[in-house]
Amino acid sequence: QSLAGPRARLLELSQEKGVSLAALSELLGRNPTYLQQF
């Protein structure tokens, strides 16, 4: 699967910063799978 646009950018940034998508989801006050589903 190839990702593009904001989805690709968000995944790239989370990897660069060493921050999991679950942690970023919790930062938003969302459930831990929110950004993974996005």
PDB file of all heavy atoms in Angstrom:
ATOM      1  N   GLN A   1       0.840  -1.205   0.000  1.00  0.00           N
ATOM      2  CA  GLN A   1       0.000   0.000   0.000  1.00  0.00           C
ATOM      3  C   GLN A   1       0.870   1.247   0.000  1.00  0.00           C
ATOM      4  O   GLN A   1       1.773   1.384   0.817  1.00  0.00           O
ATOM      5  CB  GLN A   1      -0.914   0.025   1.230  1.00  0.00           C
ATOM      6  CG  GLN A   1      -1.819   1.253   1.272  1.00  0.00           C
ATOM      7  CD  GLN A   1      -2.708   1.262   2.507  1.00  0.00           C
ATOM      8  OE1 GLN A   1      -2.569   0.445   3.396  1.00  0.00           O
ATOM      9  NE2 GLN A   1      -3.632   2.197   2.561  1.00  0.00           N
ATOM     10  N   SER A   2       0.617   2.139  -0.937  1.00  0.00           N
ATOM     11  CA  SER A   2       1.299   3.422  -0.989  1.00  0.00           C
ATOM     12  C   SER A   2       0.377   4.496  -0.425  1.00  0.00           C
ATOM     13  O   SER A   2      -0.812   4.524  -0.727  1.00  0.00           O
ATOM     14  CB  SER A   2       1.691   3.772  -2.432  1.00  0.00           C
ATOM     15  OG  SER A   2       2.654   2.865  -2.920  1.00  0.00           O
ATOM     16  N   LEU A   3       0.938   5.359   0.367  1.00  0.00           N
ATOM     17  CA  LEU A   3       0.179   6.449   0.967  1.00  0.00           C
ATOM     18  C   LEU A   3       0.606   7.764   0.337  1.00  0.00           C
ATOM     19  O   LEU A   3       1.751   7.918  -0.090  1.00  0.00           O
ATOM     20  CB  LEU A   3       0.417   6.497   2.482  1.00  0.00           C
ATOM     21  CG  LEU A   3       0.072   5.224   3.268  1.00  0.00           C
ATOM     22  CD1 LEU A   3       0.545   5.347   4.705  1.00  0.00           C
ATOM     23  CD2 LEU A   3      -1.434   4.970   3.224  1.00  0.00           C
ATOM     24  N   ALA A   4      -0.305   8.699   0.300  1.00  0.00           N
ATOM     25  CA  ALA A   4      -0.008  10.009  -0.271  1.00  0.00           C
ATOM     26  C   ALA A   4      -0.700  11.080   0.545  1.00  0.00           C
ATOM     27  O   ALA A   4      -1.535  10.796   1.400  1.00  0.00           O
ATOM     28  CB  ALA A   4      -0.462  10.070  -1.734  1.00  0.00           C
ATOM     29  N   GLY A   5      -0.337  12.337   0.264  1.00  0.00           N
ATOM     30  CA  GLY A   5      -1.006  13.466   0.906  1.00  0.00           C
ATOM     31  C   GLY A   5      -0.765  13.503   2.407  1.00  0.00           C
ATOM     32  O   GLY A   5       0.295  13.092   2.904  1.00  0.00           O
ATOM     33  N   PRO A   6      -1.738  14.010   3.160  1.00  0.00           N
ATOM     34  CA  PRO A   6      -1.555  14.170   4.610  1.00  0.00           C
ATOM     35  C   PRO A   6      -1.359  12.851   5.344  1.00  0.00           C
ATOM     36  O   PRO A   6      -0.699  12.812   6.375  1.00  0.00           O
ATOM     37  CB  PRO A   6      -2.829  14.884   5.055  1.00  0.00           C
ATOM     38  CG  PRO A   6      -3.823  14.619   3.991  1.00  0.00           C
ATOM     39  CD  PRO A   6      -3.040  14.516   2.722  1.00  0.00           C
ATOM     40  N   ARG A   7      -1.909  11.773   4.815  1.00  0.00           N
ATOM     41  CA  ARG A   7      -1.713  10.475   5.468  1.00  0.00           C
ATOM     42  C   ARG A   7      -0.239  10.062   5.410  1.00  0.00           C
ATOM     43  O   ARG A   7       0.343   9.627   6.408  1.00  0.00           O
ATOM     44  CB  ARG A   7      -2.604   9.417   4.811  1.00  0.00           C
ATOM     45  CG  ARG A   7      -4.080   9.611   5.107  1.00  0.00           C
ATOM     46  CD  ARG A   7      -4.959   8.659   4.314  1.00  0.00           C
ATOM     47  NE  ARG A   7      -6.331   8.747   4.758  1.00  0.00           N
ATOM     48  CZ  ARG A   7      -7.166   9.730   4.430  1.00  0.00           C
ATOM     49  NH1 ARG A   7      -6.756  10.685   3.616  1.00  0.00           N
ATOM     50  NH2 ARG A   7      -8.405   9.748   4.889  1.00  0.00           N
ATOM     51  N   ALA A   8       0.349  10.207   4.241  1.00  0.00           N
ATOM     52  CA  ALA A   8       1.768   9.879   4.095  1.00  0.00           C
ATOM     53  C   ALA A   8       2.625  10.799   4.951  1.00  0.00           C
ATOM     54  O   ALA A   8       3.572  10.365   5.609  1.00  0.00           O
ATOM     55  CB  ALA A   8       2.176   9.985   2.625  1.00  0.00           C
ATOM     56  N   ARG A   9       2.291  12.084   4.943  1.00  0.00           N
ATOM     57  CA  ARG A   9       3.094  13.057   5.704  1.00  0.00           C
ATOM     58  C   ARG A   9       3.014  12.788   7.200  1.00  0.00           C
ATOM     59  O   ARG A   9       4.020  12.856   7.909  1.00  0.00           O
ATOM     60  CB  ARG A   9       2.610  14.470   5.390  1.00  0.00           C
ATOM     61  CG  ARG A   9       3.448  15.570   6.034  1.00  0.00           C
ATOM     62  CD  ARG A   9       4.872  15.537   5.544  1.00  0.00           C
ATOM     63  NE  ARG A   9       5.652  16.650   6.080  1.00  0.00           N
ATOM     64  CZ  ARG A   9       6.890  16.543   6.493  1.00  0.00           C
ATOM     65  NH1 ARG A   9       7.518  15.376   6.426  1.00  0.00           N
ATOM     66  NH2 ARG A   9       7.539  17.586   6.950  1.00  0.00           N
ATOM     67  N   LEU A  10       1.819  12.476   7.692  1.00  0.00           N
ATOM     68  CA  LEU A  10       1.652  12.215   9.114  1.00  0.00           C
ATOM     69  C   LEU A  10       2.410  10.963   9.536  1.00  0.00           C
ATOM     70  O   LEU A  10       3.072  10.944  10.577  1.00  0.00           O
ATOM     71  CB  LEU A  10       0.166  12.083   9.449  1.00  0.00           C
ATOM     72  CG  LEU A  10      -0.181  11.891  10.922  1.00  0.00           C
ATOM     73  CD1 LEU A  10       0.384  13.023  11.784  1.00  0.00           C
ATOM     74  CD2 LEU A  10      -1.707  11.812  11.088  1.00  0.00           C
ATOM     75  N   LEU A  11       2.339   9.915   8.721  1.00  0.00           N
ATOM     76  CA  LEU A  11       3.067   8.690   9.034  1.00  0.00           C
ATOM     77  C   LEU A  11       4.570   8.948   9.022  1.00  0.00           C
ATOM     78  O   LEU A  11       5.307   8.497   9.912  1.00  0.00           O
ATOM     79  CB  LEU A  11       2.709   7.601   8.028  1.00  0.00           C
ATOM     80  CG  LEU A  11       3.384   6.237   8.237  1.00  0.00           C
ATOM     81  CD1 LEU A  11       3.023   5.669   9.606  1.00  0.00           C
ATOM     82  CD2 LEU A  11       2.975   5.273   7.135  1.00  0.00           C
ATOM     83  N   GLU A  12       5.030   9.701   8.019  1.00  0.00           N
ATOM     84  CA  GLU A  12       6.449  10.027   7.905  1.00  0.00           C
ATOM     85  C   GLU A  12       6.929  10.810   9.129  1.00  0.00           C
ATOM     86  O   GLU A  12       7.992  10.511   9.704  1.00  0.00           O
ATOM     87  CB  GLU A  12       6.663  10.843   6.627  1.00  0.00           C
ATOM     88  CG  GLU A  12       8.098  11.205   6.334  1.00  0.00           C
ATOM     89  CD  GLU A  12       8.221  12.018   5.051  1.00  0.00           C
ATOM     90  OE1 GLU A  12       7.384  12.924   4.832  1.00  0.00           O
ATOM     91  OE2 GLU A  12       9.145  11.745   4.274  1.00  0.00           O
ATOM     92  N   LEU A  13       6.146  11.789   9.562  1.00  0.00           N
ATOM     93  CA  LEU A  13       6.533  12.609  10.713  1.00  0.00           C
ATOM     94  C   LEU A  13       6.528  11.809  12.008  1.00  0.00           C
ATOM     95  O   LEU A  13       7.400  11.989  12.859  1.00  0.00           O
ATOM     96  CB  LEU A  13       5.587  13.807  10.829  1.00  0.00           C
ATOM     97  CG  LEU A  13       5.790  14.904   9.780  1.00  0.00           C
ATOM     98  CD1 LEU A  13       4.586  15.845   9.759  1.00  0.00           C
ATOM     99  CD2 LEU A  13       7.070  15.686  10.064  1.00  0.00           C
ATOM    100  N   SER A  14       5.546  10.924  12.160  1.00  0.00           N
ATOM    101  CA  SER A  14       5.495  10.123  13.385  1.00  0.00           C
ATOM    102  C   SER A  14       6.725   9.231  13.483  1.00  0.00           C
ATOM    103  O   SER A  14       7.284   9.028  14.575  1.00  0.00           O
ATOM    104  CB  SER A  14       4.212   9.290  13.432  1.00  0.00           C
ATOM    105  OG  SER A  14       4.251   8.234  12.484  1.00  0.00           O
ATOM    106  N   GLN A  15       7.182   8.718  12.337  1.00  0.00           N
ATOM    107  CA  GLN A  15       8.380   7.882  12.328  1.00  0.00           C
ATOM    108  C   GLN A  15       9.632   8.711  12.596  1.00  0.00           C
ATOM    109  O   GLN A  15      10.519   8.287  13.346  1.00  0.00           O
ATOM    110  CB  GLN A  15       8.487   7.152  10.980  1.00  0.00           C
ATOM    111  CG  GLN A  15       7.379   6.138  10.758  1.00  0.00           C
ATOM    112  CD  GLN A  15       7.328   5.623   9.326  1.00  0.00           C
ATOM    113  OE1 GLN A  15       7.943   6.187   8.417  1.00  0.00           O
ATOM    114  NE2 GLN A  15       6.575   4.545   9.115  1.00  0.00           N
ATOM    115  N   GLU A  16       9.694   9.910  11.994  1.00  0.00           N
ATOM    116  CA  GLU A  16      10.859  10.787  12.212  1.00  0.00           C
ATOM    117  C   GLU A  16      10.971  11.203  13.673  1.00  0.00           C
ATOM    118  O   GLU A  16      12.083  11.270  14.227  1.00  0.00           O
ATOM    119  CB  GLU A  16      10.741  12.032  11.333  1.00  0.00           C
ATOM    120  CG  GLU A  16      10.976  11.790   9.854  1.00  0.00           C
ATOM    121  CD  GLU A  16      10.795  13.061   9.039  1.00  0.00           C
ATOM    122  OE1 GLU A  16      10.513  14.123   9.651  1.00  0.00           O
ATOM    123  OE2 GLU A  16      10.939  12.998   7.807  1.00  0.00           O
ATOM    124  N   LYS A  17       9.839  11.513  14.294  1.00  0.00           N
ATOM    125  CA  LYS A  17       9.835  11.993  15.681  1.00  0.00           C
ATOM    126  C   LYS A  17       9.880  10.853  16.694  1.00  0.00           C
ATOM    127  O   LYS A  17      10.058  11.094  17.890  1.00  0.00           O
ATOM    128  CB  LYS A  17       8.581  12.835  15.928  1.00  0.00           C
ATOM    129  CG  LYS A  17       8.415  14.031  15.011  1.00  0.00           C
ATOM    130  CD  LYS A  17       9.359  15.146  15.357  1.00  0.00           C
ATOM    131  CE  LYS A  17       9.076  16.382  14.498  1.00  0.00           C
ATOM    132  NZ  LYS A  17      10.001  17.495  14.812  1.00  0.00           N
ATOM    133  N   GLY A  18       9.689   9.624  16.216  1.00  0.00           N
ATOM    134  CA  GLY A  18       9.663   8.497  17.130  1.00  0.00           C
ATOM    135  C   GLY A  18       8.441   8.494  18.034  1.00  0.00           C
ATOM    136  O   GLY A  18       8.494   8.018  19.175  1.00  0.00           O
ATOM    137  N   VAL A  19       7.332   9.020  17.520  1.00  0.00           N
ATOM    138  CA  VAL A  19       6.089   9.083  18.292  1.00  0.00           C
ATOM    139  C   VAL A  19       5.071   8.170  17.617  1.00  0.00           C
ATOM    140  O   VAL A  19       4.862   8.259  16.402  1.00  0.00           O
ATOM    141  CB  VAL A  19       5.533  10.524  18.352  1.00  0.00           C
ATOM    142  CG1 VAL A  19       4.270  10.580  19.196  1.00  0.00           C
ATOM    143  CG2 VAL A  19       6.576  11.477  18.895  1.00  0.00           C
ATOM    144  N   SER A  20       4.463   7.299  18.376  1.00  0.00           N
ATOM    145  CA  SER A  20       3.508   6.364  17.789  1.00  0.00           C
ATOM    146  C   SER A  20       2.217   7.072  17.391  1.00  0.00           C
ATOM    147  O   SER A  20       1.870   8.128  17.940  1.00  0.00           O
ATOM    148  CB  SER A  20       3.179   5.244  18.776  1.00  0.00           C
ATOM    149  OG  SER A  20       2.427   5.748  19.862  1.00  0.00           O
ATOM    150  N   LEU A  21       1.508   6.467  16.453  1.00  0.00           N
ATOM    151  CA  LEU A  21       0.207   7.005  16.060  1.00  0.00           C
ATOM    152  C   LEU A  21      -0.774   6.946  17.227  1.00  0.00           C
ATOM    153  O   LEU A  21      -1.639   7.818  17.371  1.00  0.00           O
ATOM    154  CB  LEU A  21      -0.343   6.231  14.864  1.00  0.00           C
ATOM    155  CG  LEU A  21       0.452   6.369  13.559  1.00  0.00           C
ATOM    156  CD1 LEU A  21      -0.131   5.439  12.499  1.00  0.00           C
ATOM    157  CD2 LEU A  21       0.453   7.812  13.073  1.00  0.00           C
ATOM    158  N   ALA A  22      -0.639   5.935  18.071  1.00  0.00           N
ATOM    159  CA  ALA A  22      -1.510   5.830  19.239  1.00  0.00           C
ATOM    160  C   ALA A  22      -1.288   7.001  20.183  1.00  0.00           C
ATOM    161  O   ALA A  22      -2.241   7.592  20.711  1.00  0.00           O
ATOM    162  CB  ALA A  22      -1.268   4.513  19.966  1.00  0.00           C
ATOM    163  N   ALA A  23      -0.009   7.384  20.380  1.00  0.00           N
ATOM    164  CA  ALA A  23       0.293   8.509  21.265  1.00  0.00           C
ATOM    165  C   ALA A  23      -0.234   9.814  20.682  1.00  0.00           C
ATOM    166  O   ALA A  23      -0.757  10.672  21.412  1.00  0.00           O
ATOM    167  CB  ALA A  23       1.799   8.603  21.493  1.00  0.00           C
ATOM    168  N   LEU A  24      -0.105   9.972  19.366  1.00  0.00           N
ATOM    169  CA  LEU A  24      -0.627  11.181  18.727  1.00  0.00           C
ATOM    170  C   LEU A  24      -2.151  11.218  18.822  1.00  0.00           C
ATOM    171  O   LEU A  24      -2.740  12.293  18.987  1.00  0.00           O
ATOM    172  CB  LEU A  24      -0.180  11.236  17.264  1.00  0.00           C
ATOM    173  CG  LEU A  24       1.314  11.482  17.028  1.00  0.00           C
ATOM    174  CD1 LEU A  24       1.639  11.383  15.541  1.00  0.00           C
ATOM    175  CD2 LEU A  24       1.741  12.842  17.579  1.00  0.00           C
ATOM    176  N   SER A  25      -2.789  10.062  18.709  1.00  0.00           N
ATOM    177  CA  SER A  25      -4.245  10.004  18.849  1.00  0.00           C
ATOM    178  C   SER A  25      -4.667  10.443  20.242  1.00  0.00           C
ATOM    179  O   SER A  25      -5.639  11.200  20.414  1.00  0.00           O
ATOM    180  CB  SER A  25      -4.748   8.578  18.576  1.00  0.00           C
ATOM    181  OG  SER A  25      -4.473   8.184  17.251  1.00  0.00           O
ATOM    182  N   GLU A  26      -3.937   9.975  21.248  1.00  0.00           N
ATOM    183  CA  GLU A  26      -4.257  10.344  22.628  1.00  0.00           C
ATOM    184  C   GLU A  26      -4.004  11.828  22.868  1.00  0.00           C
ATOM    185  O   GLU A  26      -4.698  12.475  23.659  1.00  0.00           O
ATOM    186  CB  GLU A  26      -3.452   9.480  23.600  1.00  0.00           C
ATOM    187  CG  GLU A  26      -3.906   8.018  23.585  1.00  0.00           C
ATOM    188  CD  GLU A  26      -3.023   7.104  24.408  1.00  0.00           C
ATOM    189  OE1 GLU A  26      -1.995   7.596  24.942  1.00  0.00           O
ATOM    190  OE2 GLU A  26      -3.351   5.907  24.525  1.00  0.00           O
ATOM    191  N   LEU A  27      -2.997  12.386  22.184  1.00  0.00           N
ATOM    192  CA  LEU A  27      -2.754  13.827  22.255  1.00  0.00           C
ATOM    193  C   LEU A  27      -3.991  14.612  21.823  1.00  0.00           C
ATOM    194  O   LEU A  27      -4.286  15.687  22.350  1.00  0.00           O
ATOM    195  CB  LEU A  27      -1.560  14.191  21.364  1.00  0.00           C
ATOM    196  CG  LEU A  27      -1.233  15.680  21.200  1.00  0.00           C
ATOM    197  CD1 LEU A  27      -0.682  16.262  22.503  1.00  0.00           C
ATOM    198  CD2 LEU A  27      -0.218  15.873  20.077  1.00  0.00           C
ATOM    199  N   LEU A  28      -4.734  14.052  20.869  1.00  0.00           N
ATOM    200  CA  LEU A  28      -5.945  14.702  20.361  1.00  0.00           C
ATOM    201  C   LEU A  28      -7.169  14.419  21.226  1.00  0.00           C
ATOM    202  O   LEU A  28      -8.249  14.937  20.943  1.00  0.00           O
ATOM    203  CB  LEU A  28      -6.225  14.233  18.930  1.00  0.00           C
ATOM    204  CG  LEU A  28      -5.130  14.480  17.892  1.00  0.00           C
ATOM    205  CD1 LEU A  28      -5.521  13.858  16.559  1.00  0.00           C
ATOM    206  CD2 LEU A  28      -4.843  15.961  17.737  1.00  0.00           C
ATOM    207  N   GLY A  29      -6.994  13.577  22.248  1.00  0.00           N
ATOM    208  CA  GLY A  29      -8.139  13.186  23.063  1.00  0.00           C
ATOM    209  C   GLY A  29      -9.003  12.143  22.383  1.00  0.00           C
ATOM    210  O   GLY A  29     -10.179  11.993  22.695  1.00  0.00           O
ATOM    211  N   ARG A  30      -8.401  11.413  21.429  1.00  0.00           N
ATOM    212  CA  ARG A  30      -9.125  10.398  20.669  1.00  0.00           C
ATOM    213  C   ARG A  30      -8.730   9.005  21.165  1.00  0.00           C
ATOM    214  O   ARG A  30      -7.776   8.842  21.926  1.00  0.00           O
ATOM    215  CB  ARG A  30      -8.776  10.517  19.188  1.00  0.00           C
ATOM    216  CG  ARG A  30      -9.010  11.894  18.582  1.00  0.00           C
ATOM    217  CD  ARG A  30     -10.452  12.114  18.232  1.00  0.00           C
ATOM    218  NE  ARG A  30     -10.639  13.325  17.449  1.00  0.00           N
ATOM    219  CZ  ARG A  30     -11.786  13.657  16.866  1.00  0.00           C
ATOM    220  NH1 ARG A  30     -12.838  12.863  16.960  1.00  0.00           N
ATOM    221  NH2 ARG A  30     -11.889  14.779  16.179  1.00  0.00           N
ATOM    222  N   ASN A  31      -9.438   8.000  20.667  1.00  0.00           N
ATOM    223  CA  ASN A  31      -9.049   6.643  21.026  1.00  0.00           C
ATOM    224  C   ASN A  31      -7.737   6.292  20.330  1.00  0.00           C
ATOM    225  O   ASN A  31      -7.400   6.878  19.289  1.00  0.00           O
ATOM    226  CB  ASN A  31     -10.161   5.642  20.692  1.00  0.00           C
ATOM    227  CG  ASN A  31     -10.329   5.427  19.197  1.00  0.00           C
ATOM    228  OD1 ASN A  31      -9.454   4.883  18.528  1.00  0.00           O
ATOM    229  ND2 ASN A  31     -11.471   5.849  18.671  1.00  0.00           N
ATOM    230  N   PRO A  32      -6.965   5.332  20.866  1.00  0.00           N
ATOM    231  CA  PRO A  32      -5.608   5.074  20.369  1.00  0.00           C
ATOM    232  C   PRO A  32      -5.525   4.652  18.910  1.00  0.00           C
ATOM    233  O   PRO A  32      -4.467   4.765  18.292  1.00  0.00           O
ATOM    234  CB  PRO A  32      -5.104   3.958  21.298  1.00  0.00           C
ATOM    235  CG  PRO A  32      -5.914   4.107  22.545  1.00  0.00           C
ATOM    236  CD  PRO A  32      -7.263   4.560  22.087  1.00  0.00           C
ATOM    237  N   THR A  33      -6.610   4.155  18.337  1.00  0.00           N
ATOM    238  CA  THR A  33      -6.565   3.692  16.947  1.00  0.00           C
ATOM    239  C   THR A  33      -7.031   4.754  15.949  1.00  0.00           C
ATOM    240  O   THR A  33      -7.087   4.494  14.745  1.00  0.00           O
ATOM    241  CB  THR A  33      -7.449   2.437  16.769  1.00  0.00           C
ATOM    242  OG1 THR A  33      -8.823   2.787  17.038  1.00  0.00           O
ATOM    243  CG2 THR A  33      -7.016   1.326  17.718  1.00  0.00           C
ATOM    244  N   TYR A  34      -7.343   5.938  16.441  1.00  0.00           N
ATOM    245  CA  TYR A  34      -7.951   6.971  15.592  1.00  0.00           C
ATOM    246  C   TYR A  34      -7.076   7.297  14.378  1.00  0.00           C
ATOM    247  O   TYR A  34      -7.533   7.255  13.224  1.00  0.00           O
ATOM    248  CB  TYR A  34      -8.197   8.229  16.408  1.00  0.00           C
ATOM    249  CG  TYR A  34      -8.747   9.398  15.619  1.00  0.00           C
ATOM    250  CD1 TYR A  34     -10.065   9.398  15.176  1.00  0.00           C
ATOM    251  CD2 TYR A  34      -7.950  10.503  15.338  1.00  0.00           C
ATOM    252  CE1 TYR A  34     -10.572  10.470  14.455  1.00  0.00           C
ATOM    253  CE2 TYR A  34      -8.453  11.578  14.624  1.00  0.00           C
ATOM    254  CZ  TYR A  34      -9.757  11.558  14.182  1.00  0.00           C
ATOM    255  OH  TYR A  34     -10.251  12.616  13.478  1.00  0.00           O
ATOM    256  N   LEU A  35      -5.799   7.616  14.598  1.00  0.00           N
ATOM    257  CA  LEU A  35      -4.948   8.011  13.475  1.00  0.00           C
ATOM    258  C   LEU A  35      -4.521   6.818  12.623  1.00  0.00           C
ATOM    259  O   LEU A  35      -4.285   6.971  11.420  1.00  0.00           O
ATOM    260  CB  LEU A  35      -3.722   8.770  13.985  1.00  0.00           C
ATOM    261  CG  LEU A  35      -4.022  10.174  14.526  1.00  0.00           C
ATOM    262  CD1 LEU A  35      -2.767  10.838  15.069  1.00  0.00           C
ATOM    263  CD2 LEU A  35      -4.669  11.062  13.465  1.00  0.00           C
ATOM    264  N   GLN A  36      -4.434   5.641  13.217  1.00  0.00           N
ATOM    265  CA  GLN A  36      -4.173   4.452  12.400  1.00  0.00           C
ATOM    266  C   GLN A  36      -5.298   4.235  11.397  1.00  0.00           C
ATOM    267  O   GLN A  36      -5.055   3.913  10.227  1.00  0.00           O
ATOM    268  CB  GLN A  36      -4.021   3.219  13.296  1.00  0.00           C
ATOM    269  CG  GLN A  36      -2.732   3.206  14.097  1.00  0.00           C
ATOM    270  CD  GLN A  36      -2.498   1.867  14.762  1.00  0.00           C
ATOM    271  OE1 GLN A  36      -2.868   0.832  14.223  1.00  0.00           O
ATOM    272  NE2 GLN A  36      -1.877   1.892  15.930  1.00  0.00           N
ATOM    273  N   GLN A  37      -6.533   4.415  11.845  1.00  0.00           N
ATOM    274  CA  GLN A  37      -7.674   4.253  10.948  1.00  0.00           C
ATOM    275  C   GLN A  37      -7.687   5.355   9.887  1.00  0.00           C
ATOM    276  O   GLN A  37      -8.022   5.106   8.725  1.00  0.00           O
ATOM    277  CB  GLN A  37      -8.975   4.263  11.750  1.00  0.00           C
ATOM    278  CG  GLN A  37      -9.130   3.052  12.646  1.00  0.00           C
ATOM    279  CD  GLN A  37     -10.378   3.120  13.508  1.00  0.00           C
ATOM    280  OE1 GLN A  37     -10.984   4.179  13.651  1.00  0.00           O
ATOM    281  NE2 GLN A  37     -10.756   2.003  14.086  1.00  0.00           N
ATOM    282  N   PHE A  38      -7.314   6.564  10.286  1.00  0.00           N
ATOM    283  CA  PHE A  38      -7.250   7.673   9.331  1.00  0.00           C
ATOM    284  C   PHE A  38      -6.244   7.375   8.230  1.00  0.00           C
ATOM    285  O   PHE A  38      -6.519   7.563   7.030  1.00  0.00           O
ATOM    286  CB  PHE A  38      -6.867   8.961  10.059  1.00  0.00           C
ATOM    287  CG  PHE A  38      -6.473  10.093   9.142  1.00  0.00           C
ATOM    288  CD1 PHE A  38      -7.409  10.702   8.320  1.00  0.00           C
ATOM    289  CD2 PHE A  38      -5.161  10.545   9.103  1.00  0.00           C
ATOM    290  CE1 PHE A  38      -7.042  11.742   7.469  1.00  0.00           C
ATOM    291  CE2 PHE A  38      -4.782  11.574   8.257  1.00  0.00           C
ATOM    292  CZ  PHE A  38      -5.727  12.175   7.438  1.00  0.00           C
TER     293      PHE A  38
END
